């Protein structure tokens, strides 16, 4: 699912006390965690990705997310 920019996956942390995002491109990657979802979404939007996905825990599916465009 990755092209040149990679993929960002956003989900609630396993502990349920915050949010996390992981950016991956081939063998390279980084992640960010915070209690505030907005902070995680800002970090995710700043990654050079081709795909951004959020996890729907009820359906256990990854859903496309589009970062807001800056004015």
PDB file of N, CA and C in Angstrom:
ATOM      1  N   UNK A   1       0.815  -1.194   0.000  1.00  0.00           N
ATOM      2  CA  UNK A   1       0.000   0.000   0.000  1.00  0.00           C
ATOM      3  C   UNK A   1       0.862   1.262   0.000  1.00  0.00           C
ATOM      4  N   UNK A   2       2.162   1.141  -0.030  1.00  0.00           N
ATOM      5  CA  UNK A   2       2.989   2.340   0.015  1.00  0.00           C
ATOM      6  C   UNK A   2       3.577   2.657  -1.351  1.00  0.00           C
ATOM      7  N   UNK A   3       3.660   3.932  -1.660  1.00  0.00           N
ATOM      8  CA  UNK A   3       4.353   4.417  -2.840  1.00  0.00           C
ATOM      9  C   UNK A   3       5.617   5.089  -2.327  1.00  0.00           C
ATOM     10  N   UNK A   4       5.904   6.281  -2.772  1.00  0.00           N
ATOM     11  CA  UNK A   4       7.139   6.943  -2.353  1.00  0.00           C
ATOM     12  C   UNK A   4       7.056   7.572  -0.974  1.00  0.00           C
ATOM     13  N   UNK A   5       5.860   7.989  -0.536  1.00  0.00           N
ATOM     14  CA  UNK A   5       5.739   8.711   0.730  1.00  0.00           C
ATOM     15  C   UNK A   5       5.414   7.861   1.931  1.00  0.00           C
ATOM     16  N   UNK A   6       4.932   6.670   1.719  1.00  0.00           N
ATOM     17  CA  UNK A   6       4.626   5.795   2.834  1.00  0.00           C
ATOM     18  C   UNK A   6       3.186   5.898   3.307  1.00  0.00           C
ATOM     19  N   UNK A   7       2.955   5.337   4.492  1.00  0.00           N
ATOM     20  CA  UNK A   7       1.618   5.252   5.071  1.00  0.00           C
ATOM     21  C   UNK A   7       1.654   5.682   6.526  1.00  0.00           C
ATOM     22  N   UNK A   8       0.638   6.419   6.941  1.00  0.00           N
ATOM     23  CA  UNK A   8       0.455   6.781   8.348  1.00  0.00           C
ATOM     24  C   UNK A   8      -0.797   6.077   8.848  1.00  0.00           C
ATOM     25  N   UNK A   9      -0.676   5.416   9.994  1.00  0.00           N
ATOM     26  CA  UNK A   9      -1.820   4.758  10.632  1.00  0.00           C
ATOM     27  C   UNK A   9      -2.058   5.416  11.988  1.00  0.00           C
ATOM     28  N   UNK A  10      -3.305   5.809  12.229  1.00  0.00           N
ATOM     29  CA  UNK A  10      -3.681   6.519  13.454  1.00  0.00           C
ATOM     30  C   UNK A  10      -4.686   5.653  14.206  1.00  0.00           C
ATOM     31  N   UNK A  11      -4.447   5.486  15.504  1.00  0.00           N
ATOM     32  CA  UNK A  11      -5.381   4.688  16.303  1.00  0.00           C
ATOM     33  C   UNK A  11      -5.294   5.070  17.766  1.00  0.00           C
ATOM     34  N   UNK A  12      -6.261   4.616  18.523  1.00  0.00           N
ATOM     35  CA  UNK A  12      -6.231   4.786  19.967  1.00  0.00           C
ATOM     36  C   UNK A  12      -5.122   3.884  20.492  1.00  0.00           C
ATOM     37  N   UNK A  13      -4.383   4.350  21.488  1.00  0.00           N
ATOM     38  CA  UNK A  13      -3.294   3.544  22.025  1.00  0.00           C
ATOM     39  C   UNK A  13      -3.850   2.272  22.659  1.00  0.00           C
ATOM     40  N   UNK A  14      -3.007   1.257  22.756  1.00  0.00           N
ATOM     41  CA  UNK A  14      -3.447  -0.019  23.307  1.00  0.00           C
ATOM     42  C   UNK A  14      -3.941   0.117  24.740  1.00  0.00           C
ATOM     43  N   UNK A  15      -3.369   1.040  25.493  1.00  0.00           N
ATOM     44  CA  UNK A  15      -3.804   1.241  26.877  1.00  0.00           C
ATOM     45  C   UNK A  15      -5.159   1.942  26.940  1.00  0.00           C
ATOM     46  N   UNK A  16      -5.553   2.602  25.839  1.00  0.00           N
ATOM     47  CA  UNK A  16      -6.822   3.317  25.802  1.00  0.00           C
ATOM     48  C   UNK A  16      -6.765   4.687  26.443  1.00  0.00           C
ATOM     49  N   UNK A  17      -5.558   5.129  26.824  1.00  0.00           N
ATOM     50  CA  UNK A  17      -5.410   6.422  27.504  1.00  0.00           C
ATOM     51  C   UNK A  17      -4.821   7.499  26.612  1.00  0.00           C
ATOM     52  N   UNK A  18      -4.878   7.316  25.329  1.00  0.00           N
ATOM     53  CA  UNK A  18      -4.321   8.305  24.418  1.00  0.00           C
ATOM     54  C   UNK A  18      -4.421   7.825  22.985  1.00  0.00           C
ATOM     55  N   UNK A  19      -3.639   8.468  22.130  1.00  0.00           N
ATOM     56  CA  UNK A  19      -3.658   8.189  20.702  1.00  0.00           C
ATOM     57  C   UNK A  19      -2.243   7.985  20.205  1.00  0.00           C
ATOM     58  N   UNK A  20      -2.103   7.268  19.098  1.00  0.00           N
ATOM     59  CA  UNK A  20      -0.788   7.068  18.498  1.00  0.00           C
ATOM     60  C   UNK A  20      -0.907   7.047  16.988  1.00  0.00           C
ATOM     61  N   UNK A  21       0.160   7.473  16.348  1.00  0.00           N
ATOM     62  CA  UNK A  21       0.252   7.426  14.892  1.00  0.00           C
ATOM     63  C   UNK A  21       1.606   6.841  14.540  1.00  0.00           C
ATOM     64  N   UNK A  22       1.636   6.072  13.484  1.00  0.00           N
ATOM     65  CA  UNK A  22       2.884   5.475  13.023  1.00  0.00           C
ATOM     66  C   UNK A  22       3.014   5.733  11.531  1.00  0.00           C
ATOM     67  N   UNK A  23       4.168   6.285  11.147  1.00  0.00           N
ATOM     68  CA  UNK A  23       4.480   6.526   9.743  1.00  0.00           C
ATOM     69  C   UNK A  23       5.504   5.483   9.320  1.00  0.00           C
ATOM     70  N   UNK A  24       5.258   4.822   8.194  1.00  0.00           N
ATOM     71  CA  UNK A  24       6.185   3.811   7.689  1.00  0.00           C
ATOM     72  C   UNK A  24       6.377   3.977   6.191  1.00  0.00           C
ATOM     73  N   UNK A  25       7.632   3.848   5.775  1.00  0.00           N
ATOM     74  CA  UNK A  25       7.985   3.855   4.351  1.00  0.00           C
ATOM     75  C   UNK A  25       9.095   2.838   4.180  1.00  0.00           C
ATOM     76  N   UNK A  26       8.748   1.676   3.678  1.00  0.00           N
ATOM     77  CA  UNK A  26       9.732   0.613   3.538  1.00  0.00           C
ATOM     78  C   UNK A  26      10.263   0.207   4.900  1.00  0.00           C
ATOM     79  N   UNK A  27      11.583   0.249   5.052  1.00  0.00           N
ATOM     80  CA  UNK A  27      12.217  -0.122   6.317  1.00  0.00           C
ATOM     81  C   UNK A  27      12.350   1.048   7.278  1.00  0.00           C
ATOM     82  N   UNK A  28      11.868   2.218   6.895  1.00  0.00           N
ATOM     83  CA  UNK A  28      11.998   3.427   7.711  1.00  0.00           C
ATOM     84  C   UNK A  28      10.646   3.743   8.340  1.00  0.00           C
ATOM     85  N   UNK A  29      10.667   4.243   9.574  1.00  0.00           N
ATOM     86  CA  UNK A  29       9.414   4.616  10.212  1.00  0.00           C
ATOM     87  C   UNK A  29       9.643   5.434  11.463  1.00  0.00           C
ATOM     88  N   UNK A  30       8.568   6.023  11.953  1.00  0.00           N
ATOM     89  CA  UNK A  30       8.601   6.752  13.216  1.00  0.00           C
ATOM     90  C   UNK A  30       7.187   6.753  13.777  1.00  0.00           C
ATOM     91  N   UNK A  31       7.086   7.074  15.056  1.00  0.00           N
ATOM     92  CA  UNK A  31       5.763   7.088  15.675  1.00  0.00           C
ATOM     93  C   UNK A  31       5.663   8.235  16.661  1.00  0.00           C
ATOM     94  N   UNK A  32       4.435   8.550  17.031  1.00  0.00           N
ATOM     95  CA  UNK A  32       4.161   9.643  17.959  1.00  0.00           C
ATOM     96  C   UNK A  32       2.950   9.261  18.792  1.00  0.00           C
ATOM     97  N   UNK A  33       3.039   9.521  20.104  1.00  0.00           N
ATOM     98  CA  UNK A  33       1.921   9.239  21.019  1.00  0.00           C
ATOM     99  C   UNK A  33       1.632  10.461  21.861  1.00  0.00           C
ATOM    100  N   UNK A  34       0.348  10.657  22.143  1.00  0.00           N
ATOM    101  CA  UNK A  34      -0.055  11.775  22.992  1.00  0.00           C
ATOM    102  C   UNK A  34      -1.450  11.473  23.538  1.00  0.00           C
ATOM    103  N   UNK A  35      -1.767  12.086  24.668  1.00  0.00           N
ATOM    104  CA  UNK A  35      -3.120  11.925  25.221  1.00  0.00           C
ATOM    105  C   UNK A  35      -4.153  12.653  24.366  1.00  0.00           C
ATOM    106  N   UNK A  36      -3.717  13.711  23.699  1.00  0.00           N
ATOM    107  CA  UNK A  36      -4.620  14.537  22.894  1.00  0.00           C
ATOM    108  C   UNK A  36      -4.655  14.057  21.444  1.00  0.00           C
ATOM    109  N   UNK A  37      -5.844  13.733  20.977  1.00  0.00           N
ATOM    110  CA  UNK A  37      -5.999  13.267  19.598  1.00  0.00           C
ATOM    111  C   UNK A  37      -5.563  14.334  18.601  1.00  0.00           C
ATOM    112  N   UNK A  38      -5.877  15.606  18.879  1.00  0.00           N
ATOM    113  CA  UNK A  38      -5.499  16.682  17.956  1.00  0.00           C
ATOM    114  C   UNK A  38      -3.992  16.757  17.749  1.00  0.00           C
ATOM    115  N   UNK A  39      -3.216  16.530  18.801  1.00  0.00           N
ATOM    116  CA  UNK A  39      -1.755  16.553  18.678  1.00  0.00           C
ATOM    117  C   UNK A  39      -1.277  15.429  17.766  1.00  0.00           C
ATOM    118  N   UNK A  40      -1.874  14.266  17.899  1.00  0.00           N
ATOM    119  CA  UNK A  40      -1.502  13.125  17.060  1.00  0.00           C
ATOM    120  C   UNK A  40      -1.909  13.382  15.607  1.00  0.00           C
ATOM    121  N   UNK A  41      -3.082  13.955  15.398  1.00  0.00           N
ATOM    122  CA  UNK A  41      -3.516  14.260  14.032  1.00  0.00           C
ATOM    123  C   UNK A  41      -2.624  15.309  13.376  1.00  0.00           C
ATOM    124  N   UNK A  42      -2.179  16.312  14.144  1.00  0.00           N
ATOM    125  CA  UNK A  42      -1.252  17.316  13.589  1.00  0.00           C
ATOM    126  C   UNK A  42       0.059  16.656  13.177  1.00  0.00           C
ATOM    127  N   UNK A  43       0.579  15.774  14.037  1.00  0.00           N
ATOM    128  CA  UNK A  43       1.824  15.069  13.711  1.00  0.00           C
ATOM    129  C   UNK A  43       1.625  14.227  12.455  1.00  0.00           C
ATOM    130  N   UNK A  44       0.528  13.479  12.413  1.00  0.00           N
ATOM    131  CA  UNK A  44       0.256  12.605  11.266  1.00  0.00           C
ATOM    132  C   UNK A  44       0.162  13.410   9.969  1.00  0.00           C
ATOM    133  N   UNK A  45      -0.500  14.557  10.033  1.00  0.00           N
ATOM    134  CA  UNK A  45      -0.662  15.391   8.842  1.00  0.00           C
ATOM    135  C   UNK A  45       0.672  15.939   8.347  1.00  0.00           C
ATOM    136  N   UNK A  46       1.651  16.043   9.230  1.00  0.00           N
ATOM    137  CA  UNK A  46       2.950  16.599   8.841  1.00  0.00           C
ATOM    138  C   UNK A  46       3.883  15.556   8.217  1.00  0.00           C
ATOM    139  N   UNK A  47       3.497  14.300   8.209  1.00  0.00           N
ATOM    140  CA  UNK A  47       4.339  13.240   7.635  1.00  0.00           C
ATOM    141  C   UNK A  47       4.197  13.227   6.119  1.00  0.00           C
ATOM    142  N   UNK A  48       5.288  12.911   5.405  1.00  0.00           N
ATOM    143  CA  UNK A  48       5.250  12.863   3.938  1.00  0.00           C
ATOM    144  C   UNK A  48       4.682  11.532   3.459  1.00  0.00           C
ATOM    145  N   UNK A  49       3.386  11.349   3.582  1.00  0.00           N
ATOM    146  CA  UNK A  49       2.769  10.061   3.266  1.00  0.00           C
ATOM    147  C   UNK A  49       1.921  10.123   2.004  1.00  0.00           C
ATOM    148  N   UNK A  50       1.708   8.957   1.428  1.00  0.00           N
ATOM    149  CA  UNK A  50       0.768   8.813   0.319  1.00  0.00           C
ATOM    150  C   UNK A  50      -0.607   8.417   0.836  1.00  0.00           C
ATOM    151  N   UNK A  51      -0.627   7.751   1.991  1.00  0.00           N
ATOM    152  CA  UNK A  51      -1.875   7.264   2.578  1.00  0.00           C
ATOM    153  C   UNK A  51      -1.904   7.582   4.063  1.00  0.00           C
ATOM    154  N   UNK A  52      -3.059   8.029   4.529  1.00  0.00           N
ATOM    155  CA  UNK A  52      -3.306   8.237   5.958  1.00  0.00           C
ATOM    156  C   UNK A  52      -4.537   7.407   6.302  1.00  0.00           C
ATOM    157  N   UNK A  53      -4.446   6.585   7.335  1.00  0.00           N
ATOM    158  CA  UNK A  53      -5.536   5.697   7.712  1.00  0.00           C
ATOM    159  C   UNK A  53      -5.833   5.829   9.198  1.00  0.00           C
ATOM    160  N   UNK A  54      -7.106   5.775   9.557  1.00  0.00           N
ATOM    161  CA  UNK A  54      -7.499   5.736  10.964  1.00  0.00           C
ATOM    162  C   UNK A  54      -8.165   4.394  11.231  1.00  0.00           C
ATOM    163  N   UNK A  55      -8.005   3.921  12.449  1.00  0.00           N
ATOM    164  CA  UNK A  55      -8.566   2.624  12.819  1.00  0.00           C
ATOM    165  C   UNK A  55      -9.942   2.796  13.442  1.00  0.00           C
ATOM    166  N   UNK A  56     -10.909   2.065  12.920  1.00  0.00           N
ATOM    167  CA  UNK A  56     -12.256   2.016  13.499  1.00  0.00           C
ATOM    168  C   UNK A  56     -12.303   0.772  14.378  1.00  0.00           C
ATOM    169  N   UNK A  57     -12.269   0.943  15.708  1.00  0.00           N
ATOM    170  CA  UNK A  57     -12.208  -0.227  16.586  1.00  0.00           C
ATOM    171  C   UNK A  57     -13.481  -1.073  16.554  1.00  0.00           C
ATOM    172  N   UNK A  58     -14.619  -0.460  16.270  1.00  0.00           N
ATOM    173  CA  UNK A  58     -15.870  -1.226  16.229  1.00  0.00           C
ATOM    174  C   UNK A  58     -15.896  -2.197  15.050  1.00  0.00           C
ATOM    175  N   UNK A  59     -15.447  -1.734  13.907  1.00  0.00           N
ATOM    176  CA  UNK A  59     -15.428  -2.576  12.708  1.00  0.00           C
ATOM    177  C   UNK A  59     -14.084  -3.277  12.529  1.00  0.00           C
ATOM    178  N   UNK A  60     -13.077  -2.881  13.310  1.00  0.00           N
ATOM    179  CA  UNK A  60     -11.709  -3.385  13.188  1.00  0.00           C
ATOM    180  C   UNK A  60     -11.207  -3.230  11.750  1.00  0.00           C
ATOM    181  N   UNK A  61     -11.397  -2.009  11.219  1.00  0.00           N
ATOM    182  CA  UNK A  61     -10.976  -1.698   9.855  1.00  0.00           C
ATOM    183  C   UNK A  61     -10.166  -0.409   9.831  1.00  0.00           C
ATOM    184  N   UNK A  62      -9.298  -0.301   8.829  1.00  0.00           N
ATOM    185  CA  UNK A  62      -8.550   0.927   8.591  1.00  0.00           C
ATOM    186  C   UNK A  62      -9.302   1.736   7.546  1.00  0.00           C
ATOM    187  N   UNK A  63      -9.603   2.997   7.883  1.00  0.00           N
ATOM    188  CA  UNK A  63     -10.408   3.869   7.035  1.00  0.00           C
ATOM    189  C   UNK A  63      -9.544   5.037   6.555  1.00  0.00           C
ATOM    190  N   UNK A  64      -9.612   5.392   5.263  1.00  0.00           N
ATOM    191  CA  UNK A  64      -8.826   6.528   4.771  1.00  0.00           C
ATOM    192  C   UNK A  64      -9.179   7.823   5.508  1.00  0.00           C
ATOM    193  N   UNK A  65      -8.148   8.614   5.778  1.00  0.00           N
ATOM    194  CA  UNK A  65      -8.290   9.920   6.423  1.00  0.00           C
ATOM    195  C   UNK A  65      -7.555  10.931   5.564  1.00  0.00           C
ATOM    196  N   UNK A  66      -8.137  12.084   5.375  1.00  0.00           N
ATOM    197  CA  UNK A  66      -7.495  13.144   4.604  1.00  0.00           C
ATOM    198  C   UNK A  66      -7.086  14.262   5.548  1.00  0.00           C
ATOM    199  N   UNK A  67      -5.784  14.547   5.633  1.00  0.00           N
ATOM    200  CA  UNK A  67      -5.342  15.657   6.481  1.00  0.00           C
ATOM    201  C   UNK A  67      -5.949  16.969   5.993  1.00  0.00           C
ATOM    202  N   UNK A  68      -6.244  17.876   6.915  1.00  0.00           N
ATOM    203  CA  UNK A  68      -6.776  19.174   6.487  1.00  0.00           C
ATOM    204  C   UNK A  68      -5.747  19.927   5.655  1.00  0.00           C
ATOM    205  N   UNK A  69      -6.217  20.619   4.639  1.00  0.00           N
ATOM    206  CA  UNK A  69      -5.292  21.418   3.832  1.00  0.00           C
ATOM    207  C   UNK A  69      -5.083  22.757   4.525  1.00  0.00           C
ATOM    208  N   UNK A  70      -3.849  23.220   4.492  1.00  0.00           N
ATOM    209  CA  UNK A  70      -3.517  24.490   5.141  1.00  0.00           C
ATOM    210  C   UNK A  70      -3.925  25.641   4.236  1.00  0.00           C
ATOM    211  N   UNK A  71      -4.459  26.719   4.825  1.00  0.00           N
ATOM    212  CA  UNK A  71      -4.878  27.878   4.011  1.00  0.00           C
ATOM    213  C   UNK A  71      -3.706  28.603   3.392  1.00  0.00           C
TER     214      UNK A  71
END
